[in-house]
Every structure is written in structure tokens, then in C-alpha cells.
Amino acid sequence: MYRVSSVGRYINSMTGKLDTLGAAPDSFFETMVFRTTAQPVDNSEGCGCLSFEDWSELEQVRYATEEAAQSGHEAMVLKYQEEPQP
């Protein structure tokens, strides 16, 4: 089981500009994939989120635009839905 997580659009409170998530000057969004256990996250109020097996990402991709990040997230979900379980 996997969790696909996408984040981004961090606005710097001092400058009001987008902050990057990495070394590239246009890495404003990123998607990471993590392996999960079958156990729910503690205190998750029944949201259905599963605990991480560990915090080592299996895959990571950064994006310049929100549209690219959304498309990339959706593609990653499809990829890992089709991925055989270990």
C-alpha cells in the first residue's frame, strides 16, 4: 500500500513570493510516494489514512506549476494503483 502526497504553493510571509521546495529555481510543488502499513494513523479521527512504513520516499517529482503538479499527482496515483504489492 502506498500514499501519494503532493504539496506546494508555499508563500514566503516576508516577501509574498512563492518559495521553492528544492534547489531548482522553479520547484514550487512536489509529489512523493511512501509505503504504508495496514494500520490507521493514530488519532486520525477515522479519515482512512494509513501509517507510514517509514519516511523514506519511494519516488519524488518536483513541478513548476500547479497544473503540472495536479497532473503528476494523478499519474503517480495511477502508477502505484497498478504496482504489484511486495
PDB file of N, CA and C in Angstrom:
ATOM      1  N   MET A   1       0.838  -1.172   0.000  1.00  0.00           N
ATOM      2  CA  MET A   1       0.000   0.000   0.000  1.00  0.00           C
ATOM      3  C   MET A   1       0.888   1.242   0.000  1.00  0.00           C
ATOM      4  N   TYR A   2       0.382   2.273  -0.618  1.00  0.00           N
ATOM      5  CA  TYR A   2       1.173   3.480  -0.804  1.00  0.00           C
ATOM      6  C   TYR A   2       0.354   4.726  -0.488  1.00  0.00           C
ATOM      7  N   ARG A   3       1.074   5.784  -0.138  1.00  0.00           N
ATOM      8  CA  ARG A   3       0.449   7.109  -0.025  1.00  0.00           C
ATOM      9  C   ARG A   3       1.167   8.021  -1.005  1.00  0.00           C
ATOM     10  N   VAL A   4       0.377   8.678  -1.825  1.00  0.00           N
ATOM     11  CA  VAL A   4       0.896   9.676  -2.759  1.00  0.00           C
ATOM     12  C   VAL A   4       0.558  11.037  -2.160  1.00  0.00           C
ATOM     13  N   SER A   5       1.578  11.827  -1.898  1.00  0.00           N
ATOM     14  CA  SER A   5       1.407  13.111  -1.229  1.00  0.00           C
ATOM     15  C   SER A   5       1.978  14.229  -2.094  1.00  0.00           C
ATOM     16  N   SER A   6       1.171  15.243  -2.340  1.00  0.00           N
ATOM     17  CA  SER A   6       1.633  16.403  -3.105  1.00  0.00           C
ATOM     18  C   SER A   6       1.466  17.663  -2.263  1.00  0.00           C
ATOM     19  N   VAL A   7       2.479  18.503  -2.293  1.00  0.00           N
ATOM     20  CA  VAL A   7       2.470  19.753  -1.535  1.00  0.00           C
ATOM     21  C   VAL A   7       3.034  20.867  -2.401  1.00  0.00           C
ATOM     22  N   GLY A   8       2.839  22.095  -1.944  1.00  0.00           N
ATOM     23  CA  GLY A   8       3.440  23.214  -2.654  1.00  0.00           C
ATOM     24  C   GLY A   8       2.675  24.497  -2.452  1.00  0.00           C
ATOM     25  N   ARG A   9       3.034  25.454  -3.273  1.00  0.00           N
ATOM     26  CA  ARG A   9       2.477  26.802  -3.220  1.00  0.00           C
ATOM     27  C   ARG A   9       2.720  27.447  -1.860  1.00  0.00           C
ATOM     28  N   TYR A  10       3.962  27.358  -1.410  1.00  0.00           N
ATOM     29  CA  TYR A  10       4.343  27.987  -0.149  1.00  0.00           C
ATOM     30  C   TYR A  10       4.704  29.444  -0.401  1.00  0.00           C
ATOM     31  N   ILE A  11       3.974  30.324   0.230  1.00  0.00           N
ATOM     32  CA  ILE A  11       4.205  31.760   0.083  1.00  0.00           C
ATOM     33  C   ILE A  11       5.100  32.230   1.230  1.00  0.00           C
ATOM     34  N   ASN A  12       6.188  32.898   0.884  1.00  0.00           N
ATOM     35  CA  ASN A  12       7.094  33.461   1.878  1.00  0.00           C
ATOM     36  C   ASN A  12       6.404  34.656   2.531  1.00  0.00           C
ATOM     37  N   SER A  13       6.222  34.593   3.845  1.00  0.00           N
ATOM     38  CA  SER A  13       5.495  35.665   4.542  1.00  0.00           C
ATOM     39  C   SER A  13       6.251  36.990   4.532  1.00  0.00           C
ATOM     40  N   MET A  14       7.546  36.942   4.319  1.00  0.00           N
ATOM     41  CA  MET A  14       8.330  38.180   4.301  1.00  0.00           C
ATOM     42  C   MET A  14       8.279  38.868   2.929  1.00  0.00           C
ATOM     43  N   THR A  15       8.330  38.060   1.860  1.00  0.00           N
ATOM     44  CA  THR A  15       8.394  38.635   0.513  1.00  0.00           C
ATOM     45  C   THR A  15       7.065  38.568  -0.232  1.00  0.00           C
ATOM     46  N   GLY A  16       6.169  37.669   0.207  1.00  0.00           N
ATOM     47  CA  GLY A  16       4.910  37.476  -0.504  1.00  0.00           C
ATOM     48  C   GLY A  16       5.055  36.675  -1.782  1.00  0.00           C
ATOM     49  N   LYS A  17       6.253  36.142  -2.029  1.00  0.00           N
ATOM     50  CA  LYS A  17       6.517  35.372  -3.244  1.00  0.00           C
ATOM     51  C   LYS A  17       6.522  33.882  -2.928  1.00  0.00           C
ATOM     52  N   LEU A  18       6.352  33.077  -3.987  1.00  0.00           N
ATOM     53  CA  LEU A  18       6.420  31.629  -3.830  1.00  0.00           C
ATOM     54  C   LEU A  18       7.822  31.197  -3.422  1.00  0.00           C
ATOM     55  N   ASP A  19       7.908  30.297  -2.455  1.00  0.00           N
ATOM     56  CA  ASP A  19       9.179  29.687  -2.083  1.00  0.00           C
ATOM     57  C   ASP A  19       9.319  28.355  -2.806  1.00  0.00           C
ATOM     58  N   THR A  20      10.526  28.023  -3.202  1.00  0.00           N
ATOM     59  CA  THR A  20      10.767  26.735  -3.842  1.00  0.00           C
ATOM     60  C   THR A  20      10.903  25.645  -2.783  1.00  0.00           C
ATOM     61  N   LEU A  21      10.744  24.405  -3.228  1.00  0.00           N
ATOM     62  CA  LEU A  21      10.873  23.249  -2.350  1.00  0.00           C
ATOM     63  C   LEU A  21      12.216  22.553  -2.532  1.00  0.00           C
ATOM     64  N   GLY A  22      12.992  22.994  -3.486  1.00  0.00           N
ATOM     65  CA  GLY A  22      14.266  22.349  -3.746  1.00  0.00           C
ATOM     66  C   GLY A  22      15.247  23.304  -4.363  1.00  0.00           C
ATOM     67  N   ALA A  23      16.280  22.749  -4.940  1.00  0.00           N
ATOM     68  CA  ALA A  23      17.363  23.561  -5.480  1.00  0.00           C
ATOM     69  C   ALA A  23      16.992  24.245  -6.798  1.00  0.00           C
ATOM     70  N   ALA A  24      16.096  23.639  -7.567  1.00  0.00           N
ATOM     71  CA  ALA A  24      15.727  24.234  -8.858  1.00  0.00           C
ATOM     72  C   ALA A  24      14.938  25.519  -8.634  1.00  0.00           C
ATOM     73  N   PRO A  25      15.172  26.524  -9.447  1.00  0.00           N
ATOM     74  CA  PRO A  25      14.511  27.810  -9.234  1.00  0.00           C
ATOM     75  C   PRO A  25      13.000  27.774  -9.485  1.00  0.00           C
ATOM     76  N   ASP A  26      12.496  26.697 -10.100  1.00  0.00           N
ATOM     77  CA  ASP A  26      11.055  26.621 -10.382  1.00  0.00           C
ATOM     78  C   ASP A  26      10.401  25.381  -9.759  1.00  0.00           C
ATOM     79  N   SER A  27      10.948  24.900  -8.653  1.00  0.00           N
ATOM     80  CA  SER A  27      10.387  23.714  -7.988  1.00  0.00           C
ATOM     81  C   SER A  27       9.434  24.143  -6.874  1.00  0.00           C
ATOM     82  N   PHE A  28       8.232  24.577  -7.280  1.00  0.00           N
ATOM     83  CA  PHE A  28       7.262  25.126  -6.342  1.00  0.00           C
ATOM     84  C   PHE A  28       6.290  24.088  -5.774  1.00  0.00           C
ATOM     85  N   PHE A  29       6.240  22.910  -6.390  1.00  0.00           N
ATOM     86  CA  PHE A  29       5.343  21.836  -5.967  1.00  0.00           C
ATOM     87  C   PHE A  29       6.115  20.524  -6.023  1.00  0.00           C
ATOM     88  N   GLU A  30       5.697  19.531  -5.227  1.00  0.00           N
ATOM     89  CA  GLU A  30       6.329  18.220  -5.322  1.00  0.00           C
ATOM     90  C   GLU A  30       5.345  17.127  -4.946  1.00  0.00           C
ATOM     91  N   THR A  31       5.580  15.968  -5.524  1.00  0.00           N
ATOM     92  CA  THR A  31       4.820  14.764  -5.200  1.00  0.00           C
ATOM     93  C   THR A  31       5.815  13.727  -4.710  1.00  0.00           C
ATOM     94  N   MET A  32       5.475  13.067  -3.608  1.00  0.00           N
ATOM     95  CA  MET A  32       6.279  11.979  -3.064  1.00  0.00           C
ATOM     96  C   MET A  32       5.385  10.768  -2.850  1.00  0.00           C
ATOM     97  N   VAL A  33       5.989   9.583  -2.956  1.00  0.00           N
ATOM     98  CA  VAL A  33       5.268   8.337  -2.713  1.00  0.00           C
ATOM     99  C   VAL A  33       5.942   7.618  -1.553  1.00  0.00           C
ATOM    100  N   PHE A  34       5.122   7.172  -0.605  1.00  0.00           N
ATOM    101  CA  PHE A  34       5.603   6.463   0.577  1.00  0.00           C
ATOM    102  C   PHE A  34       4.892   5.121   0.694  1.00  0.00           C
ATOM    103  N   ARG A  35       5.593   4.135   1.203  1.00  0.00           N
ATOM    104  CA  ARG A  35       4.985   2.848   1.503  1.00  0.00           C
ATOM    105  C   ARG A  35       4.274   2.970   2.858  1.00  0.00           C
ATOM    106  N   THR A  36       3.072   2.376   2.965  1.00  0.00           N
ATOM    107  CA  THR A  36       2.314   2.426   4.212  1.00  0.00           C
ATOM    108  C   THR A  36       2.103   1.030   4.781  1.00  0.00           C
ATOM    109  N   THR A  37       1.676   1.005   6.017  1.00  0.00           N
ATOM    110  CA  THR A  37       1.289  -0.246   6.666  1.00  0.00           C
ATOM    111  C   THR A  37      -0.224  -0.401   6.500  1.00  0.00           C
ATOM    112  N   ALA A  38      -0.792  -1.434   7.060  1.00  0.00           N
ATOM    113  CA  ALA A  38      -2.245  -1.625   7.030  1.00  0.00           C
ATOM    114  C   ALA A  38      -2.910  -0.963   8.232  1.00  0.00           C
ATOM    115  N   GLN A  39      -2.126  -0.340   9.100  1.00  0.00           N
ATOM    116  CA  GLN A  39      -2.647   0.257  10.331  1.00  0.00           C
ATOM    117  C   GLN A  39      -3.028   1.722  10.125  1.00  0.00           C
ATOM    118  N   PRO A  40      -4.196   2.123  10.628  1.00  0.00           N
ATOM    119  CA  PRO A  40      -4.588   3.541  10.525  1.00  0.00           C
ATOM    120  C   PRO A  40      -3.641   4.440  11.322  1.00  0.00           C
ATOM    121  N   VAL A  41      -3.540   5.677  10.902  1.00  0.00           N
ATOM    122  CA  VAL A  41      -2.761   6.675  11.625  1.00  0.00           C
ATOM    123  C   VAL A  41      -3.431   6.909  12.979  1.00  0.00           C
ATOM    124  N   ASP A  42      -2.629   6.963  14.049  1.00  0.00           N
ATOM    125  CA  ASP A  42      -3.172   7.253  15.375  1.00  0.00           C
ATOM    126  C   ASP A  42      -3.843   8.619  15.377  1.00  0.00           C
ATOM    127  N   ASN A  43      -4.955   8.717  16.085  1.00  0.00           N
ATOM    128  CA  ASN A  43      -5.678   9.986  16.260  1.00  0.00           C
ATOM    129  C   ASN A  43      -6.075  10.644  14.937  1.00  0.00           C
ATOM    130  N   SER A  44      -6.388   9.828  13.930  1.00  0.00           N
ATOM    131  CA  SER A  44      -6.743  10.381  12.620  1.00  0.00           C
ATOM    132  C   SER A  44      -8.241  10.581  12.447  1.00  0.00           C
ATOM    133  N   GLU A  45      -8.994  10.356  13.515  1.00  0.00           N
ATOM    134  CA  GLU A  45     -10.435  10.587  13.502  1.00  0.00           C
ATOM    135  C   GLU A  45     -11.132   9.842  12.368  1.00  0.00           C
ATOM    136  N   GLY A  46     -10.624   8.655  12.044  1.00  0.00           N
ATOM    137  CA  GLY A  46     -11.274   7.810  11.049  1.00  0.00           C
ATOM    138  C   GLY A  46     -11.161   8.283   9.614  1.00  0.00           C
ATOM    139  N   CYS A  47     -10.138   9.079   9.307  1.00  0.00           N
ATOM    140  CA  CYS A  47     -10.012   9.614   7.949  1.00  0.00           C
ATOM    141  C   CYS A  47      -9.634   8.540   6.923  1.00  0.00           C
ATOM    142  N   GLY A  48      -9.151   7.394   7.387  1.00  0.00           N
ATOM    143  CA  GLY A  48      -8.745   6.334   6.468  1.00  0.00           C
ATOM    144  C   GLY A  48      -7.274   6.361   6.101  1.00  0.00           C
ATOM    145  N   CYS A  49      -6.533   7.348   6.598  1.00  0.00           N
ATOM    146  CA  CYS A  49      -5.101   7.425   6.310  1.00  0.00           C
ATOM    147  C   CYS A  49      -4.370   6.294   7.019  1.00  0.00           C
ATOM    148  N   LEU A  50      -3.444   5.682   6.306  1.00  0.00           N
ATOM    149  CA  LEU A  50      -2.657   4.590   6.876  1.00  0.00           C
ATOM    150  C   LEU A  50      -1.295   5.094   7.322  1.00  0.00           C
ATOM    151  N   SER A  51      -0.741   4.452   8.341  1.00  0.00           N
ATOM    152  CA  SER A  51       0.577   4.836   8.881  1.00  0.00           C
ATOM    153  C   SER A  51       1.674   4.561   7.859  1.00  0.00           C
ATOM    154  N   PHE A  52       2.686   5.389   7.895  1.00  0.00           N
ATOM    155  CA  PHE A  52       3.843   5.184   7.027  1.00  0.00           C
ATOM    156  C   PHE A  52       4.669   4.009   7.540  1.00  0.00           C
ATOM    157  N   GLU A  53       5.149   3.192   6.605  1.00  0.00           N
ATOM    158  CA  GLU A  53       6.079   2.129   6.980  1.00  0.00           C
ATOM    159  C   GLU A  53       7.379   2.769   7.456  1.00  0.00           C
ATOM    160  N   ASP A  54       7.833   3.760   6.720  1.00  0.00           N
ATOM    161  CA  ASP A  54       8.941   4.631   7.125  1.00  0.00           C
ATOM    162  C   ASP A  54       8.819   5.909   6.299  1.00  0.00           C
ATOM    163  N   TRP A  55       9.671   6.873   6.583  1.00  0.00           N
ATOM    164  CA  TRP A  55       9.577   8.175   5.915  1.00  0.00           C
ATOM    165  C   TRP A  55      10.488   8.287   4.702  1.00  0.00           C
ATOM    166  N   SER A  56      11.016   7.179   4.216  1.00  0.00           N
ATOM    167  CA  SER A  56      11.854   7.193   3.013  1.00  0.00           C
ATOM    168  C   SER A  56      10.940   7.158   1.791  1.00  0.00           C
ATOM    169  N   GLU A  57      10.990   8.201   0.987  1.00  0.00           N
ATOM    170  CA  GLU A  57      10.118   8.216  -0.176  1.00  0.00           C
ATOM    171  C   GLU A  57      10.609   7.229  -1.226  1.00  0.00           C
ATOM    172  N   LEU A  58       9.675   6.605  -1.913  1.00  0.00           N
ATOM    173  CA  LEU A  58       9.996   5.677  -2.992  1.00  0.00           C
ATOM    174  C   LEU A  58      10.271   6.430  -4.278  1.00  0.00           C
ATOM    175  N   GLU A  59       9.612   7.569  -4.394  1.00  0.00           N
ATOM    176  CA  GLU A  59       9.732   8.366  -5.609  1.00  0.00           C
ATOM    177  C   GLU A  59       9.384   9.805  -5.273  1.00  0.00           C
ATOM    178  N   GLN A  60      10.011  10.746  -5.996  1.00  0.00           N
ATOM    179  CA  GLN A  60       9.754  12.166  -5.780  1.00  0.00           C
ATOM    180  C   GLN A  60       9.885  12.892  -7.107  1.00  0.00           C
ATOM    181  N   VAL A  61       8.944  13.795  -7.378  1.00  0.00           N
ATOM    182  CA  VAL A  61       8.997  14.619  -8.586  1.00  0.00           C
ATOM    183  C   VAL A  61       8.612  16.034  -8.185  1.00  0.00           C
ATOM    184  N   ARG A  62       9.324  17.022  -8.721  1.00  0.00           N
ATOM    185  CA  ARG A  62       9.008  18.426  -8.456  1.00  0.00           C
ATOM    186  C   ARG A  62       8.472  19.074  -9.725  1.00  0.00           C
ATOM    187  N   TYR A  63       7.660  20.122  -9.523  1.00  0.00           N
ATOM    188  CA  TYR A  63       6.970  20.772 -10.636  1.00  0.00           C
ATOM    189  C   TYR A  63       7.038  22.288 -10.494  1.00  0.00           C
ATOM    190  N   ALA A  64       6.901  22.958 -11.623  1.00  0.00           N
ATOM    191  CA  ALA A  64       6.913  24.421 -11.637  1.00  0.00           C
ATOM    192  C   ALA A  64       5.524  25.017 -11.485  1.00  0.00           C
ATOM    193  N   THR A  65       4.492  24.292 -11.941  1.00  0.00           N
ATOM    194  CA  THR A  65       3.147  24.863 -11.930  1.00  0.00           C
ATOM    195  C   THR A  65       2.167  23.965 -11.179  1.00  0.00           C
ATOM    196  N   GLU A  66       1.087  24.575 -10.729  1.00  0.00           N
ATOM    197  CA  GLU A  66       0.039  23.829 -10.040  1.00  0.00           C
ATOM    198  C   GLU A  66      -0.604  22.800 -10.975  1.00  0.00           C
ATOM    199  N   GLU A  67      -0.771  23.177 -12.238  1.00  0.00           N
ATOM    200  CA  GLU A  67      -1.371  22.263 -13.212  1.00  0.00           C
ATOM    201  C   GLU A  67      -0.483  21.027 -13.413  1.00  0.00           C
ATOM    202  N   ALA A  68       0.820  21.236 -13.538  1.00  0.00           N
ATOM    203  CA  ALA A  68       1.741  20.105 -13.703  1.00  0.00           C
ATOM    204  C   ALA A  68       1.746  19.229 -12.460  1.00  0.00           C
ATOM    205  N   ALA A  69       1.663  19.856 -11.280  1.00  0.00           N
ATOM    206  CA  ALA A  69       1.646  19.094 -10.029  1.00  0.00           C
ATOM    207  C   ALA A  69       0.381  18.244  -9.934  1.00  0.00           C
ATOM    208  N   GLN A  70      -0.753  18.802 -10.314  1.00  0.00           N
ATOM    209  CA  GLN A  70      -2.010  18.044 -10.280  1.00  0.00           C
ATOM    210  C   GLN A  70      -1.952  16.856 -11.234  1.00  0.00           C
ATOM    211  N   SER A  71      -1.488  17.092 -12.447  1.00  0.00           N
ATOM    212  CA  SER A  71      -1.362  16.006 -13.424  1.00  0.00           C
ATOM    213  C   SER A  71      -0.370  14.959 -12.951  1.00  0.00           C
ATOM    214  N   GLY A  72       0.749  15.415 -12.387  1.00  0.00           N
ATOM    215  CA  GLY A  72       1.768  14.492 -11.879  1.00  0.00           C
ATOM    216  C   GLY A  72       1.255  13.658 -10.723  1.00  0.00           C
ATOM    217  N   HIS A  73       0.481  14.276  -9.830  1.00  0.00           N
ATOM    218  CA  HIS A  73      -0.101  13.549  -8.700  1.00  0.00           C
ATOM    219  C   HIS A  73      -1.035  12.453  -9.215  1.00  0.00           C
ATOM    220  N   GLU A  74      -1.912  12.816 -10.142  1.00  0.00           N
ATOM    221  CA  GLU A  74      -2.859  11.852 -10.686  1.00  0.00           C
ATOM    222  C   GLU A  74      -2.137  10.696 -11.390  1.00  0.00           C
ATOM    223  N   ALA A  75      -1.078  11.009 -12.132  1.00  0.00           N
ATOM    224  CA  ALA A  75      -0.308   9.967 -12.815  1.00  0.00           C
ATOM    225  C   ALA A  75       0.366   9.030 -11.807  1.00  0.00           C
ATOM    226  N   MET A  76       0.865   9.594 -10.717  1.00  0.00           N
ATOM    227  CA  MET A  76       1.527   8.783  -9.688  1.00  0.00           C
ATOM    228  C   MET A  76       0.518   7.865  -8.996  1.00  0.00           C
ATOM    229  N   VAL A  77      -0.682   8.370  -8.733  1.00  0.00           N
ATOM    230  CA  VAL A  77      -1.724   7.531  -8.138  1.00  0.00           C
ATOM    231  C   VAL A  77      -2.013   6.350  -9.056  1.00  0.00           C
ATOM    232  N   LEU A  78      -2.199   6.606 -10.337  1.00  0.00           N
ATOM    233  CA  LEU A  78      -2.462   5.519 -11.282  1.00  0.00           C
ATOM    234  C   LEU A  78      -1.311   4.525 -11.328  1.00  0.00           C
ATOM    235  N   LYS A  79      -0.104   5.034 -11.351  1.00  0.00           N
ATOM    236  CA  LYS A  79       1.068   4.153 -11.400  1.00  0.00           C
ATOM    237  C   LYS A  79       1.102   3.215 -10.201  1.00  0.00           C
ATOM    238  N   TYR A  80       0.885   3.754  -9.010  1.00  0.00           N
ATOM    239  CA  TYR A  80       1.002   2.922  -7.796  1.00  0.00           C
ATOM    240  C   TYR A  80      -0.251   2.096  -7.522  1.00  0.00           C
ATOM    241  N   GLN A  81      -1.363   2.417  -8.154  1.00  0.00           N
ATOM    242  CA  GLN A  81      -2.531   1.530  -8.088  1.00  0.00           C
ATOM    243  C   GLN A  81      -2.237   0.252  -8.852  1.00  0.00           C
ATOM    244  N   GLU A  82      -1.468   0.389  -9.931  1.00  0.00           N
ATOM    245  CA  GLU A  82      -1.152  -0.751 -10.775  1.00  0.00           C
ATOM    246  C   GLU A  82       0.092  -1.499 -10.319  1.00  0.00           C
ATOM    247  N   GLU A  83       0.862  -0.901  -9.426  1.00  0.00           N
ATOM    248  CA  GLU A  83       2.112  -1.504  -8.912  1.00  0.00           C
ATOM    249  C   GLU A  83       1.789  -2.753  -8.093  1.00  0.00           C
ATOM    250  N   PRO A  84       2.448  -3.880  -8.375  1.00  0.00           N
ATOM    251  CA  PRO A  84       2.209  -5.072  -7.556  1.00  0.00           C
ATOM    252  C   PRO A  84       2.703  -4.865  -6.126  1.00  0.00           C
ATOM    253  N   GLN A  85       1.944  -5.374  -5.170  1.00  0.00           N
ATOM    254  CA  GLN A  85       2.312  -5.249  -3.763  1.00  0.00           C
ATOM    255  C   GLN A  85       3.459  -6.215  -3.456  1.00  0.00           C
ATOM    256  N   PRO A  86       4.426  -5.796  -2.602  1.00  0.00           N
ATOM    257  CA  PRO A  86       5.551  -6.685  -2.270  1.00  0.00           C
ATOM    258  C   PRO A  86       5.109  -7.877  -1.437  1.00  0.00           C
TER     259      PRO A  86
END
